[in-house]
N, C-alpha and C. Protein backbone atom coordinates (compact mmCIF):
# COMPACT_ATOMS: atom_id res chain seq x y z
N MET A 1 4.97 -34.08 -8.17
CA MET A 1 5.86 -33.26 -7.37
C MET A 1 6.63 -34.16 -6.40
N GLU A 2 7.90 -33.84 -6.18
CA GLU A 2 8.75 -34.64 -5.30
C GLU A 2 8.53 -34.26 -3.84
N GLN A 3 8.96 -35.14 -2.93
CA GLN A 3 8.76 -34.94 -1.49
C GLN A 3 9.39 -33.63 -1.00
N ASP A 4 10.60 -33.31 -1.47
CA ASP A 4 11.27 -32.09 -1.01
C ASP A 4 10.51 -30.84 -1.43
N GLN A 5 10.00 -30.85 -2.63
CA GLN A 5 9.23 -29.70 -3.13
C GLN A 5 7.89 -29.58 -2.40
N ILE A 6 7.24 -30.70 -2.13
CA ILE A 6 5.98 -30.69 -1.40
C ILE A 6 6.20 -30.14 0.01
N PHE A 7 7.26 -30.60 0.66
CA PHE A 7 7.58 -30.12 2.01
C PHE A 7 7.83 -28.61 2.01
N LEU A 8 8.68 -28.14 1.09
CA LEU A 8 9.00 -26.72 1.04
C LEU A 8 7.75 -25.88 0.80
N GLU A 9 6.92 -26.29 -0.12
CA GLU A 9 5.70 -25.55 -0.42
C GLU A 9 4.78 -25.48 0.82
N TYR A 10 4.65 -26.58 1.52
CA TYR A 10 3.80 -26.63 2.72
C TYR A 10 4.31 -25.66 3.79
N VAL A 11 5.60 -25.70 4.06
CA VAL A 11 6.18 -24.85 5.11
C VAL A 11 6.10 -23.37 4.74
N VAL A 12 6.50 -23.05 3.52
CA VAL A 12 6.53 -21.64 3.10
C VAL A 12 5.12 -21.05 3.06
N LYS A 13 4.17 -21.78 2.52
CA LYS A 13 2.80 -21.26 2.44
C LYS A 13 2.20 -21.05 3.83
N ALA A 14 2.65 -21.82 4.81
CA ALA A 14 2.18 -21.64 6.18
C ALA A 14 2.78 -20.39 6.82
N LEU A 15 3.94 -19.96 6.34
CA LEU A 15 4.63 -18.81 6.93
C LEU A 15 4.20 -17.46 6.35
N VAL A 16 3.86 -17.43 5.08
CA VAL A 16 3.66 -16.16 4.38
C VAL A 16 2.22 -15.67 4.43
N ASP A 17 2.06 -14.37 4.13
CA ASP A 17 0.73 -13.77 4.05
C ASP A 17 0.13 -13.90 2.65
N ASN A 18 0.98 -14.13 1.65
CA ASN A 18 0.54 -14.23 0.26
C ASN A 18 0.90 -15.60 -0.31
N PRO A 19 0.20 -16.66 0.12
CA PRO A 19 0.57 -18.01 -0.32
C PRO A 19 0.41 -18.24 -1.83
N ASN A 20 -0.45 -17.45 -2.47
CA ASN A 20 -0.64 -17.61 -3.92
C ASN A 20 0.57 -17.14 -4.72
N ASP A 21 1.44 -16.34 -4.10
CA ASP A 21 2.63 -15.83 -4.79
C ASP A 21 3.86 -16.73 -4.59
N VAL A 22 3.70 -17.84 -3.90
CA VAL A 22 4.81 -18.76 -3.67
C VAL A 22 5.03 -19.59 -4.93
N LYS A 23 6.29 -19.54 -5.43
CA LYS A 23 6.65 -20.33 -6.61
C LYS A 23 7.93 -21.08 -6.31
N ILE A 24 7.95 -22.35 -6.64
CA ILE A 24 9.12 -23.19 -6.39
C ILE A 24 9.50 -23.87 -7.70
N LYS A 25 10.77 -23.69 -8.07
CA LYS A 25 11.29 -24.34 -9.27
C LYS A 25 12.30 -25.39 -8.81
N ARG A 26 12.18 -26.58 -9.33
CA ARG A 26 13.06 -27.70 -8.94
C ARG A 26 13.91 -28.11 -10.12
N THR A 27 15.23 -28.11 -9.92
CA THR A 27 16.15 -28.58 -10.95
C THR A 27 17.07 -29.62 -10.35
N VAL A 28 17.44 -30.59 -11.16
CA VAL A 28 18.32 -31.66 -10.73
C VAL A 28 19.52 -31.70 -11.67
N ASP A 29 20.73 -31.77 -11.10
CA ASP A 29 21.94 -31.93 -11.89
C ASP A 29 22.90 -32.84 -11.14
N GLU A 30 24.15 -32.90 -11.58
CA GLU A 30 25.12 -33.79 -10.94
C GLU A 30 25.44 -33.39 -9.50
N MET A 31 25.15 -32.15 -9.12
CA MET A 31 25.40 -31.66 -7.76
C MET A 31 24.25 -32.01 -6.81
N GLY A 32 23.10 -32.36 -7.35
CA GLY A 32 21.95 -32.69 -6.52
C GLY A 32 20.71 -31.92 -6.95
N VAL A 33 19.86 -31.65 -6.00
CA VAL A 33 18.59 -30.97 -6.26
C VAL A 33 18.72 -29.52 -5.82
N LEU A 34 18.26 -28.61 -6.66
CA LEU A 34 18.22 -27.19 -6.31
C LEU A 34 16.77 -26.75 -6.35
N LEU A 35 16.26 -26.29 -5.20
CA LEU A 35 14.92 -25.72 -5.13
C LEU A 35 15.08 -24.21 -5.09
N THR A 36 14.49 -23.53 -6.06
CA THR A 36 14.54 -22.08 -6.13
C THR A 36 13.19 -21.54 -5.69
N LEU A 37 13.21 -20.75 -4.62
CA LEU A 37 11.99 -20.24 -4.02
C LEU A 37 11.79 -18.77 -4.36
N SER A 38 10.59 -18.45 -4.76
CA SER A 38 10.21 -17.07 -5.06
C SER A 38 8.94 -16.75 -4.28
N VAL A 39 8.96 -15.65 -3.52
CA VAL A 39 7.79 -15.23 -2.74
C VAL A 39 7.52 -13.75 -2.97
N HIS A 40 6.38 -13.29 -2.51
CA HIS A 40 6.02 -11.87 -2.58
C HIS A 40 7.03 -11.07 -1.78
N LYS A 41 7.35 -9.86 -2.24
CA LYS A 41 8.40 -9.07 -1.58
C LYS A 41 8.06 -8.75 -0.13
N ASP A 42 6.80 -8.64 0.22
CA ASP A 42 6.41 -8.35 1.60
C ASP A 42 6.61 -9.55 2.53
N ASP A 43 6.78 -10.74 1.95
CA ASP A 43 6.94 -11.95 2.75
C ASP A 43 8.40 -12.37 2.94
N MET A 44 9.32 -11.66 2.34
CA MET A 44 10.74 -12.05 2.41
C MET A 44 11.23 -12.13 3.85
N GLY A 45 10.85 -11.18 4.68
CA GLY A 45 11.29 -11.17 6.08
C GLY A 45 10.84 -12.40 6.84
N LYS A 46 9.66 -12.89 6.51
CA LYS A 46 9.13 -14.08 7.19
C LYS A 46 9.89 -15.33 6.77
N ILE A 47 10.35 -15.36 5.54
CA ILE A 47 11.08 -16.52 5.04
C ILE A 47 12.52 -16.49 5.53
N ILE A 48 13.14 -15.34 5.53
CA ILE A 48 14.54 -15.22 5.96
C ILE A 48 14.63 -15.33 7.49
N GLY A 49 13.77 -14.61 8.20
CA GLY A 49 13.80 -14.64 9.66
C GLY A 49 14.89 -13.74 10.22
N ARG A 50 14.91 -13.60 11.52
CA ARG A 50 15.90 -12.77 12.18
C ARG A 50 17.29 -13.39 12.00
N SER A 51 18.19 -12.62 11.43
CA SER A 51 19.57 -13.06 11.15
C SER A 51 19.61 -14.34 10.31
N GLY A 52 18.59 -14.57 9.51
CA GLY A 52 18.57 -15.73 8.62
C GLY A 52 18.22 -17.04 9.29
N ALA A 53 17.70 -16.97 10.51
CA ALA A 53 17.43 -18.19 11.28
C ALA A 53 16.37 -19.07 10.64
N THR A 54 15.30 -18.48 10.13
CA THR A 54 14.23 -19.27 9.53
C THR A 54 14.72 -19.96 8.26
N ALA A 55 15.42 -19.21 7.41
CA ALA A 55 15.95 -19.79 6.18
C ALA A 55 16.92 -20.92 6.49
N LYS A 56 17.75 -20.73 7.49
CA LYS A 56 18.71 -21.77 7.88
C LYS A 56 17.99 -23.02 8.36
N ALA A 57 16.93 -22.85 9.14
CA ALA A 57 16.16 -23.99 9.63
C ALA A 57 15.49 -24.74 8.48
N ILE A 58 14.92 -24.00 7.53
CA ILE A 58 14.28 -24.64 6.38
C ILE A 58 15.31 -25.43 5.58
N ARG A 59 16.49 -24.83 5.37
CA ARG A 59 17.56 -25.52 4.63
C ARG A 59 18.00 -26.81 5.34
N THR A 60 18.11 -26.73 6.67
CA THR A 60 18.52 -27.90 7.44
C THR A 60 17.52 -29.04 7.29
N ILE A 61 16.24 -28.72 7.42
CA ILE A 61 15.22 -29.76 7.31
C ILE A 61 15.14 -30.30 5.88
N LEU A 62 15.36 -29.42 4.89
CA LEU A 62 15.38 -29.88 3.50
C LEU A 62 16.52 -30.87 3.26
N ARG A 63 17.65 -30.64 3.90
CA ARG A 63 18.77 -31.59 3.77
C ARG A 63 18.39 -32.95 4.35
N VAL A 64 17.66 -32.95 5.46
CA VAL A 64 17.21 -34.20 6.07
C VAL A 64 16.22 -34.91 5.14
N VAL A 65 15.29 -34.16 4.57
CA VAL A 65 14.34 -34.74 3.62
C VAL A 65 15.10 -35.32 2.44
N GLY A 66 16.11 -34.60 1.97
CA GLY A 66 16.92 -35.08 0.86
C GLY A 66 17.68 -36.35 1.20
N MET A 67 18.27 -36.40 2.40
CA MET A 67 19.01 -37.59 2.81
C MET A 67 18.09 -38.81 2.87
N LYS A 68 16.87 -38.58 3.30
CA LYS A 68 15.89 -39.67 3.37
C LYS A 68 15.59 -40.21 1.98
N ASN A 69 15.68 -39.35 0.98
CA ASN A 69 15.41 -39.75 -0.41
C ASN A 69 16.70 -39.91 -1.22
N GLU A 70 17.84 -40.01 -0.50
CA GLU A 70 19.15 -40.20 -1.12
C GLU A 70 19.48 -39.13 -2.16
N ALA A 71 19.27 -37.87 -1.78
CA ALA A 71 19.58 -36.75 -2.65
C ALA A 71 20.12 -35.59 -1.82
N ARG A 72 20.95 -34.78 -2.44
CA ARG A 72 21.44 -33.58 -1.79
C ARG A 72 20.54 -32.42 -2.23
N VAL A 73 19.88 -31.79 -1.27
CA VAL A 73 18.91 -30.74 -1.59
C VAL A 73 19.44 -29.39 -1.09
N ASN A 74 19.43 -28.41 -1.98
CA ASN A 74 19.83 -27.04 -1.63
C ASN A 74 18.67 -26.10 -1.94
N LEU A 75 18.64 -25.00 -1.21
CA LEU A 75 17.58 -24.01 -1.38
C LEU A 75 18.18 -22.67 -1.75
N LYS A 76 17.64 -22.09 -2.81
CA LYS A 76 18.01 -20.74 -3.22
C LYS A 76 16.77 -19.87 -3.10
N ILE A 77 16.90 -18.76 -2.39
CA ILE A 77 15.77 -17.84 -2.23
C ILE A 77 16.02 -16.64 -3.13
N GLU A 78 15.15 -16.47 -4.12
CA GLU A 78 15.32 -15.36 -5.06
C GLU A 78 14.84 -14.06 -4.44
N GLU A 79 15.60 -13.01 -4.69
CA GLU A 79 15.19 -11.68 -4.23
C GLU A 79 14.13 -11.15 -5.18
N PRO A 80 12.97 -10.75 -4.66
CA PRO A 80 11.88 -10.31 -5.53
C PRO A 80 12.17 -8.96 -6.18
N GLU A 81 11.54 -8.73 -7.33
CA GLU A 81 11.67 -7.45 -8.01
C GLU A 81 11.08 -6.36 -7.13
N GLY A 82 11.68 -5.19 -7.17
CA GLY A 82 11.19 -4.08 -6.37
C GLY A 82 11.64 -4.15 -4.94
N SER A 83 12.56 -5.04 -4.64
CA SER A 83 13.06 -5.17 -3.27
C SER A 83 13.89 -3.94 -2.92
N ASP A 84 13.75 -3.46 -1.69
CA ASP A 84 14.51 -2.27 -1.26
C ASP A 84 15.64 -2.67 -0.33
N ARG A 85 16.26 -3.81 -0.61
CA ARG A 85 17.31 -4.33 0.24
C ARG A 85 18.65 -3.67 -0.03
N GLY A 86 18.76 -2.86 -1.06
CA GLY A 86 20.04 -2.26 -1.43
C GLY A 86 20.64 -1.43 -0.31
N PHE A 87 21.96 -1.49 -0.18
CA PHE A 87 22.64 -0.78 0.89
C PHE A 87 23.23 0.54 0.44
N ALA A 88 23.49 0.69 -0.84
CA ALA A 88 24.16 1.90 -1.34
C ALA A 88 23.37 3.18 -1.04
N PRO A 89 22.06 3.23 -1.30
CA PRO A 89 21.34 4.47 -1.01
C PRO A 89 21.39 4.84 0.48
N ARG A 90 21.34 3.85 1.35
CA ARG A 90 21.40 4.15 2.78
C ARG A 90 22.75 4.76 3.13
N GLU A 91 23.81 4.21 2.54
CA GLU A 91 25.15 4.74 2.80
C GLU A 91 25.25 6.18 2.31
N GLN A 92 24.66 6.47 1.14
CA GLN A 92 24.70 7.83 0.62
C GLN A 92 23.96 8.77 1.55
N ASN A 93 22.81 8.36 2.05
CA ASN A 93 22.05 9.19 2.98
C ASN A 93 22.83 9.40 4.26
N LYS A 94 23.50 8.38 4.73
CA LYS A 94 24.30 8.48 5.94
C LYS A 94 25.42 9.49 5.74
N ASP A 95 26.12 9.39 4.60
CA ASP A 95 27.21 10.32 4.31
C ASP A 95 26.69 11.75 4.21
N LYS A 96 25.54 11.92 3.60
CA LYS A 96 24.98 13.26 3.47
C LYS A 96 24.65 13.82 4.85
N SER A 97 24.12 12.99 5.71
CA SER A 97 23.78 13.44 7.06
C SER A 97 25.03 13.85 7.83
N VAL A 98 26.09 13.09 7.70
CA VAL A 98 27.35 13.42 8.37
C VAL A 98 27.88 14.74 7.82
N ASP A 99 27.82 14.92 6.50
CA ASP A 99 28.29 16.17 5.90
C ASP A 99 27.48 17.35 6.40
N ASP A 100 26.15 17.16 6.55
CA ASP A 100 25.30 18.24 7.05
C ASP A 100 25.68 18.61 8.48
N VAL A 101 25.96 17.61 9.30
CA VAL A 101 26.35 17.86 10.70
C VAL A 101 27.66 18.64 10.74
N ILE A 102 28.63 18.21 9.93
CA ILE A 102 29.93 18.88 9.90
C ILE A 102 29.78 20.31 9.40
N ALA A 103 28.95 20.49 8.36
CA ALA A 103 28.73 21.84 7.85
C ALA A 103 28.07 22.72 8.91
N GLY A 104 27.19 22.14 9.68
CA GLY A 104 26.52 22.89 10.76
C GLY A 104 27.49 23.29 11.84
N LEU A 105 28.49 22.47 12.11
CA LEU A 105 29.50 22.79 13.12
C LEU A 105 30.43 23.91 12.66
N ASP A 106 30.70 23.93 11.36
CA ASP A 106 31.58 24.96 10.81
C ASP A 106 30.90 26.32 10.74
N ALA A 107 29.59 26.35 10.69
CA ALA A 107 28.87 27.62 10.54
C ALA A 107 28.82 28.43 11.81
């Protein structure tokens, strides 16, 4: 395992509640190194952080690790299956609530 992958695994497993579900795939191409991170759906918030601050910090440190090893390192965080991050249903519920309020005013 490479230094960047070892570092990412160490940090992520320390943050999450389900360390056994942490999976990291490493690919190298002409653009550099891509680390693809997969975690349990309940741990996504811990990895992303408030307004993406934790993910941004991890990416920044990974770039430093990469520079030390003369490589460009990027991190992709995969959205887990069964994630309820979708915005469309919330918008539909919001619209329905507004329609109900308007209908109540007309009655």
